[in-house]
Amino acid sequence: MNENRLLHDFSKYKLYCDKFVSTSARSLNQLFREKNLLLLERKAQGKPTKFEHDLLLLDYAEKNPISYL
């Protein structure tokens, strides 16, 4: 729970005036969009695409073959 709150606080720094802070906040958002979208708040998740609908949160060593190229 505490990690979620910390992640929400970091994501709010994307409009910060320091360039390095805002860049790192945006890269952190992008990382969590790729790895676990559900940890981000709804506003930071962005619009879903067709590729993101096919992504599932997999358990350890679970495989999900893609049927299209």
PDB file of N, CA and C in Angstrom:
ATOM      1  N   MET A   1       0.824  -1.190   0.000  1.00  0.00           N
ATOM      2  CA  MET A   1       0.000   0.000   0.000  1.00  0.00           C
ATOM      3  C   MET A   1       0.866   1.250   0.000  1.00  0.00           C
ATOM      4  N   ASN A   2       1.924   1.228   0.786  1.00  0.00           N
ATOM      5  CA  ASN A   2       2.807   2.377   0.872  1.00  0.00           C
ATOM      6  C   ASN A   2       3.542   2.605  -0.445  1.00  0.00           C
ATOM      7  N   GLU A   3       3.861   1.512  -1.166  1.00  0.00           N
ATOM      8  CA  GLU A   3       4.534   1.644  -2.454  1.00  0.00           C
ATOM      9  C   GLU A   3       3.624   2.319  -3.478  1.00  0.00           C
ATOM     10  N   ASN A   4       2.326   1.996  -3.423  1.00  0.00           N
ATOM     11  CA  ASN A   4       1.367   2.643  -4.324  1.00  0.00           C
ATOM     12  C   ASN A   4       1.324   4.140  -4.097  1.00  0.00           C
ATOM     13  N   ARG A   5       1.285   4.526  -2.842  1.00  0.00           N
ATOM     14  CA  ARG A   5       1.224   5.950  -2.515  1.00  0.00           C
ATOM     15  C   ARG A   5       2.494   6.667  -2.966  1.00  0.00           C
ATOM     16  N   LEU A   6       3.636   6.024  -2.775  1.00  0.00           N
ATOM     17  CA  LEU A   6       4.901   6.605  -3.198  1.00  0.00           C
ATOM     18  C   LEU A   6       4.954   6.747  -4.717  1.00  0.00           C
ATOM     19  N   LEU A   7       4.445   5.759  -5.430  1.00  0.00           N
ATOM     20  CA  LEU A   7       4.409   5.824  -6.889  1.00  0.00           C
ATOM     21  C   LEU A   7       3.499   6.948  -7.372  1.00  0.00           C
ATOM     22  N   HIS A   8       2.366   7.154  -6.725  1.00  0.00           N
ATOM     23  CA  HIS A   8       1.465   8.253  -7.086  1.00  0.00           C
ATOM     24  C   HIS A   8       2.139   9.599  -6.856  1.00  0.00           C
ATOM     25  N   ASP A   9       2.885   9.709  -5.770  1.00  0.00           N
ATOM     26  CA  ASP A   9       3.594  10.959  -5.496  1.00  0.00           C
ATOM     27  C   ASP A   9       4.665  11.224  -6.548  1.00  0.00           C
ATOM     28  N   PHE A  10       5.401  10.183  -6.942  1.00  0.00           N
ATOM     29  CA  PHE A  10       6.423  10.358  -7.971  1.00  0.00           C
ATOM     30  C   PHE A  10       5.820  10.741  -9.317  1.00  0.00           C
ATOM     31  N   SER A  11       4.662  10.195  -9.630  1.00  0.00           N
ATOM     32  CA  SER A  11       4.055  10.478 -10.934  1.00  0.00           C
ATOM     33  C   SER A  11       3.564  11.919 -11.037  1.00  0.00           C
ATOM     34  N   LYS A  12       3.333  12.573  -9.910  1.00  0.00           N
ATOM     35  CA  LYS A  12       2.894  13.969  -9.939  1.00  0.00           C
ATOM     36  C   LYS A  12       4.028  14.936 -10.258  1.00  0.00           C
ATOM     37  N   TYR A  13       5.269  14.473 -10.224  1.00  0.00           N
ATOM     38  CA  TYR A  13       6.413  15.328 -10.512  1.00  0.00           C
ATOM     39  C   TYR A  13       6.678  15.495 -12.007  1.00  0.00           C
ATOM     40  N   LYS A  14       5.826  14.978 -12.871  1.00  0.00           N
ATOM     41  CA  LYS A  14       6.084  15.088 -14.306  1.00  0.00           C
ATOM     42  C   LYS A  14       5.944  16.514 -14.826  1.00  0.00           C
ATOM     43  N   LEU A  15       5.319  17.408 -14.062  1.00  0.00           N
ATOM     44  CA  LEU A  15       5.196  18.814 -14.448  1.00  0.00           C
ATOM     45  C   LEU A  15       6.103  19.715 -13.614  1.00  0.00           C
ATOM     46  N   TYR A  16       7.083  19.137 -12.945  1.00  0.00           N
ATOM     47  CA  TYR A  16       7.997  19.892 -12.095  1.00  0.00           C
ATOM     48  C   TYR A  16       8.910  20.756 -12.960  1.00  0.00           C
ATOM     49  N   CYS A  17       9.374  21.870 -12.418  1.00  0.00           N
ATOM     50  CA  CYS A  17      10.147  22.827 -13.221  1.00  0.00           C
ATOM     51  C   CYS A  17      11.567  22.335 -13.523  1.00  0.00           C
ATOM     52  N   ASP A  18      12.126  21.458 -12.710  1.00  0.00           N
ATOM     53  CA  ASP A  18      13.459  20.924 -12.978  1.00  0.00           C
ATOM     54  C   ASP A  18      13.358  19.830 -14.044  1.00  0.00           C
ATOM     55  N   LYS A  19      14.180  19.941 -15.073  1.00  0.00           N
ATOM     56  CA  LYS A  19      14.091  19.033 -16.217  1.00  0.00           C
ATOM     57  C   LYS A  19      14.419  17.588 -15.832  1.00  0.00           C
ATOM     58  N   PHE A  20      15.427  17.402 -14.993  1.00  0.00           N
ATOM     59  CA  PHE A  20      15.833  16.048 -14.623  1.00  0.00           C
ATOM     60  C   PHE A  20      14.760  15.344 -13.787  1.00  0.00           C
ATOM     61  N   VAL A  21      14.109  16.084 -12.927  1.00  0.00           N
ATOM     62  CA  VAL A  21      13.053  15.505 -12.086  1.00  0.00           C
ATOM     63  C   VAL A  21      11.854  15.117 -12.939  1.00  0.00           C
ATOM     64  N   SER A  22      11.450  16.001 -13.852  1.00  0.00           N
ATOM     65  CA  SER A  22      10.291  15.700 -14.695  1.00  0.00           C
ATOM     66  C   SER A  22      10.582  14.551 -15.658  1.00  0.00           C
ATOM     67  N   THR A  23      11.812  14.480 -16.171  1.00  0.00           N
ATOM     68  CA  THR A  23      12.178  13.385 -17.069  1.00  0.00           C
ATOM     69  C   THR A  23      12.169  12.048 -16.338  1.00  0.00           C
ATOM     70  N   SER A  24      12.692  12.032 -15.127  1.00  0.00           N
ATOM     71  CA  SER A  24      12.695  10.772 -14.374  1.00  0.00           C
ATOM     72  C   SER A  24      11.280  10.357 -13.972  1.00  0.00           C
ATOM     73  N   ALA A  25      10.409  11.303 -13.679  1.00  0.00           N
ATOM     74  CA  ALA A  25       9.022  10.964 -13.344  1.00  0.00           C
ATOM     75  C   ALA A  25       8.297  10.397 -14.556  1.00  0.00           C
ATOM     76  N   ARG A  26       8.541  10.961 -15.716  1.00  0.00           N
ATOM     77  CA  ARG A  26       7.902  10.436 -16.932  1.00  0.00           C
ATOM     78  C   ARG A  26       8.423   9.050 -17.283  1.00  0.00           C
ATOM     79  N   SER A  27       9.730   8.822 -17.098  1.00  0.00           N
ATOM     80  CA  SER A  27      10.268   7.497 -17.394  1.00  0.00           C
ATOM     81  C   SER A  27       9.757   6.459 -16.400  1.00  0.00           C
ATOM     82  N   LEU A  28       9.548   6.869 -15.156  1.00  0.00           N
ATOM     83  CA  LEU A  28       8.974   5.964 -14.164  1.00  0.00           C
ATOM     84  C   LEU A  28       7.537   5.603 -14.523  1.00  0.00           C
ATOM     85  N   ASN A  29       6.776   6.580 -15.009  1.00  0.00           N
ATOM     86  CA  ASN A  29       5.409   6.301 -15.468  1.00  0.00           C
ATOM     87  C   ASN A  29       5.417   5.327 -16.634  1.00  0.00           C
ATOM     88  N   GLN A  30       6.323   5.538 -17.575  1.00  0.00           N
ATOM     89  CA  GLN A  30       6.402   4.669 -18.745  1.00  0.00           C
ATOM     90  C   GLN A  30       6.778   3.245 -18.347  1.00  0.00           C
ATOM     91  N   LEU A  31       7.690   3.121 -17.395  1.00  0.00           N
ATOM     92  CA  LEU A  31       8.092   1.798 -16.927  1.00  0.00           C
ATOM     93  C   LEU A  31       6.917   1.042 -16.323  1.00  0.00           C
ATOM     94  N   PHE A  32       6.134   1.713 -15.497  1.00  0.00           N
ATOM     95  CA  PHE A  32       5.001   1.036 -14.871  1.00  0.00           C
ATOM     96  C   PHE A  32       3.847   0.844 -15.839  1.00  0.00           C
ATOM     97  N   ARG A  33       3.774   1.620 -16.910  1.00  0.00           N
ATOM     98  CA  ARG A  33       2.777   1.337 -17.947  1.00  0.00           C
ATOM     99  C   ARG A  33       3.089   0.023 -18.632  1.00  0.00           C
ATOM    100  N   GLU A  34       4.382  -0.270 -18.800  1.00  0.00           N
ATOM    101  CA  GLU A  34       4.774  -1.509 -19.469  1.00  0.00           C
ATOM    102  C   GLU A  34       4.717  -2.714 -18.534  1.00  0.00           C
ATOM    103  N   LYS A  35       5.124  -2.549 -17.291  1.00  0.00           N
ATOM    104  CA  LYS A  35       5.253  -3.689 -16.378  1.00  0.00           C
ATOM    105  C   LYS A  35       3.966  -4.018 -15.630  1.00  0.00           C
ATOM    106  N   ASN A  36       3.368  -3.032 -14.977  1.00  0.00           N
ATOM    107  CA  ASN A  36       2.142  -3.284 -14.213  1.00  0.00           C
ATOM    108  C   ASN A  36       1.298  -2.025 -14.228  1.00  0.00           C
ATOM    109  N   LEU A  37       0.395  -1.959 -15.161  1.00  0.00           N
ATOM    110  CA  LEU A  37      -0.436  -0.780 -15.388  1.00  0.00           C
ATOM    111  C   LEU A  37      -1.383  -0.501 -14.227  1.00  0.00           C
ATOM    112  N   LEU A  38      -1.753  -1.530 -13.508  1.00  0.00           N
ATOM    113  CA  LEU A  38      -2.740  -1.370 -12.443  1.00  0.00           C
ATOM    114  C   LEU A  38      -2.197  -0.629 -11.226  1.00  0.00           C
ATOM    115  N   LEU A  39      -0.889  -0.500 -11.105  1.00  0.00           N
ATOM    116  CA  LEU A  39      -0.320   0.231  -9.976  1.00  0.00           C
ATOM    117  C   LEU A  39      -0.442   1.737 -10.146  1.00  0.00           C
ATOM    118  N   LEU A  40      -0.551   2.206 -11.390  1.00  0.00           N
ATOM    119  CA  LEU A  40      -0.671   3.639 -11.636  1.00  0.00           C
ATOM    120  C   LEU A  40      -2.100   4.106 -11.391  1.00  0.00           C
ATOM    121  N   GLU A  41      -2.236   5.373 -11.043  1.00  0.00           N
ATOM    122  CA  GLU A  41      -3.581   5.919 -10.906  1.00  0.00           C
ATOM    123  C   GLU A  41      -4.207   6.045 -12.288  1.00  0.00           C
ATOM    124  N   ARG A  42      -5.502   6.147 -12.331  1.00  0.00           N
ATOM    125  CA  ARG A  42      -6.249   6.096 -13.595  1.00  0.00           C
ATOM    126  C   ARG A  42      -5.810   7.189 -14.568  1.00  0.00           C
ATOM    127  N   LYS A  43      -5.534   8.371 -14.067  1.00  0.00           N
ATOM    128  CA  LYS A  43      -5.150   9.485 -14.923  1.00  0.00           C
ATOM    129  C   LYS A  43      -3.778   9.258 -15.564  1.00  0.00           C
ATOM    130  N   ALA A  44      -2.889   8.573 -14.876  1.00  0.00           N
ATOM    131  CA  ALA A  44      -1.537   8.345 -15.377  1.00  0.00           C
ATOM    132  C   ALA A  44      -1.443   7.116 -16.273  1.00  0.00           C
ATOM    133  N   GLN A  45      -2.503   6.320 -16.360  1.00  0.00           N
ATOM    134  CA  GLN A  45      -2.455   5.101 -17.163  1.00  0.00           C
ATOM    135  C   GLN A  45      -2.444   5.385 -18.655  1.00  0.00           C
ATOM    136  N   GLY A  46      -3.064   6.454 -19.094  1.00  0.00           N
ATOM    137  CA  GLY A  46      -3.124   6.760 -20.512  1.00  0.00           C
ATOM    138  C   GLY A  46      -4.237   5.993 -21.202  1.00  0.00           C
ATOM    139  N   LYS A  47      -4.391   6.254 -22.492  1.00  0.00           N
ATOM    140  CA  LYS A  47      -5.435   5.569 -23.253  1.00  0.00           C
ATOM    141  C   LYS A  47      -4.961   4.169 -23.637  1.00  0.00           C
ATOM    142  N   PRO A  48      -5.809   3.170 -23.467  1.00  0.00           N
ATOM    143  CA  PRO A  48      -5.414   1.807 -23.822  1.00  0.00           C
ATOM    144  C   PRO A  48      -5.408   1.605 -25.338  1.00  0.00           C
ATOM    145  N   THR A  49      -4.487   0.796 -25.799  1.00  0.00           N
ATOM    146  CA  THR A  49      -4.416   0.428 -27.209  1.00  0.00           C
ATOM    147  C   THR A  49      -4.768  -1.053 -27.343  1.00  0.00           C
ATOM    148  N   LYS A  50      -4.823  -1.533 -28.584  1.00  0.00           N
ATOM    149  CA  LYS A  50      -5.149  -2.942 -28.804  1.00  0.00           C
ATOM    150  C   LYS A  50      -4.085  -3.846 -28.194  1.00  0.00           C
ATOM    151  N   PHE A  51      -2.826  -3.430 -28.292  1.00  0.00           N
ATOM    152  CA  PHE A  51      -1.747  -4.236 -27.730  1.00  0.00           C
ATOM    153  C   PHE A  51      -1.864  -4.341 -26.212  1.00  0.00           C
ATOM    154  N   GLU A  52      -2.260  -3.271 -25.551  1.00  0.00           N
ATOM    155  CA  GLU A  52      -2.373  -3.284 -24.094  1.00  0.00           C
ATOM    156  C   GLU A  52      -3.556  -4.127 -23.622  1.00  0.00           C
ATOM    157  N   HIS A  53      -4.569  -4.271 -24.446  1.00  0.00           N
ATOM    158  CA  HIS A  53      -5.688  -5.133 -24.063  1.00  0.00           C
ATOM    159  C   HIS A  53      -5.256  -6.594 -24.011  1.00  0.00           C
ATOM    160  N   ASP A  54      -4.275  -6.961 -24.847  1.00  0.00           N
ATOM    161  CA  ASP A  54      -3.818  -8.346 -24.882  1.00  0.00           C
ATOM    162  C   ASP A  54      -2.843  -8.675 -23.760  1.00  0.00           C
ATOM    163  N   LEU A  55      -2.269  -7.660 -23.133  1.00  0.00           N
ATOM    164  CA  LEU A  55      -1.323  -7.905 -22.051  1.00  0.00           C
ATOM    165  C   LEU A  55      -2.057  -8.320 -20.784  1.00  0.00           C
ATOM    166  N   LEU A  56      -1.554  -9.306 -20.148  1.00  0.00           N
ATOM    167  CA  LEU A  56      -2.105  -9.765 -18.884  1.00  0.00           C
ATOM    168  C   LEU A  56      -0.991  -9.753 -17.849  1.00  0.00           C
ATOM    169  N   LEU A  57      -1.349  -9.589 -16.619  1.00  0.00           N
ATOM    170  CA  LEU A  57      -0.379  -9.681 -15.545  1.00  0.00           C
ATOM    171  C   LEU A  57      -0.138 -11.157 -15.274  1.00  0.00           C
ATOM    172  N   LEU A  58       1.045 -11.638 -15.635  1.00  0.00           N
ATOM    173  CA  LEU A  58       1.350 -13.056 -15.546  1.00  0.00           C
ATOM    174  C   LEU A  58       1.979 -13.392 -14.207  1.00  0.00           C
ATOM    175  N   ASP A  59       1.734 -14.615 -13.755  1.00  0.00           N
ATOM    176  CA  ASP A  59       2.394 -15.112 -12.559  1.00  0.00           C
ATOM    177  C   ASP A  59       3.823 -15.499 -12.911  1.00  0.00           C
ATOM    178  N   TYR A  60       4.586 -15.867 -11.910  1.00  0.00           N
ATOM    179  CA  TYR A  60       5.977 -16.236 -12.124  1.00  0.00           C
ATOM    180  C   TYR A  60       6.072 -17.457 -13.029  1.00  0.00           C
ATOM    181  N   ALA A  61       6.870 -17.365 -14.081  1.00  0.00           N
ATOM    182  CA  ALA A  61       7.151 -18.430 -15.048  1.00  0.00           C
ATOM    183  C   ALA A  61       5.928 -18.849 -15.857  1.00  0.00           C
ATOM    184  N   GLU A  62       4.900 -18.042 -15.899  1.00  0.00           N
ATOM    185  CA  GLU A  62       3.728 -18.340 -16.717  1.00  0.00           C
ATOM    186  C   GLU A  62       3.952 -17.762 -18.112  1.00  0.00           C
ATOM    187  N   LYS A  63       3.538 -18.491 -19.136  1.00  0.00           N
ATOM    188  CA  LYS A  63       3.749 -18.053 -20.509  1.00  0.00           C
ATOM    189  C   LYS A  63       2.423 -17.674 -21.150  1.00  0.00           C
ATOM    190  N   ASN A  64       2.480 -16.674 -22.027  1.00  0.00           N
ATOM    191  CA  ASN A  64       1.299 -16.228 -22.753  1.00  0.00           C
ATOM    192  C   ASN A  64       1.707 -16.041 -24.214  1.00  0.00           C
ATOM    193  N   PRO A  65       1.532 -17.065 -25.052  1.00  0.00           N
ATOM    194  CA  PRO A  65       1.933 -16.926 -26.452  1.00  0.00           C
ATOM    195  C   PRO A  65       1.011 -15.969 -27.205  1.00  0.00           C
ATOM    196  N   ILE A  66       1.596 -15.185 -28.083  1.00  0.00           N
ATOM    197  CA  ILE A  66       0.836 -14.232 -28.887  1.00  0.00           C
ATOM    198  C   ILE A  66       0.481 -14.905 -30.207  1.00  0.00           C
ATOM    199  N   SER A  67      -0.765 -14.792 -30.620  1.00  0.00           N
ATOM    200  CA  SER A  67      -1.222 -15.503 -31.810  1.00  0.00           C
ATOM    201  C   SER A  67      -1.101 -14.672 -33.079  1.00  0.00           C
ATOM    202  N   TYR A  68      -0.600 -13.460 -32.984  1.00  0.00           N
ATOM    203  CA  TYR A  68      -0.465 -12.614 -34.169  1.00  0.00           C
ATOM    204  C   TYR A  68       0.935 -12.021 -34.216  1.00  0.00           C
ATOM    205  N   LEU A  69       1.319 -11.565 -35.381  1.00  0.00           N
ATOM    206  CA  LEU A  69       2.631 -10.926 -35.544  1.00  0.00           C
ATOM    207  C   LEU A  69       2.480  -9.537 -36.072  1.00  0.00           C
TER     208      LEU A  69
END
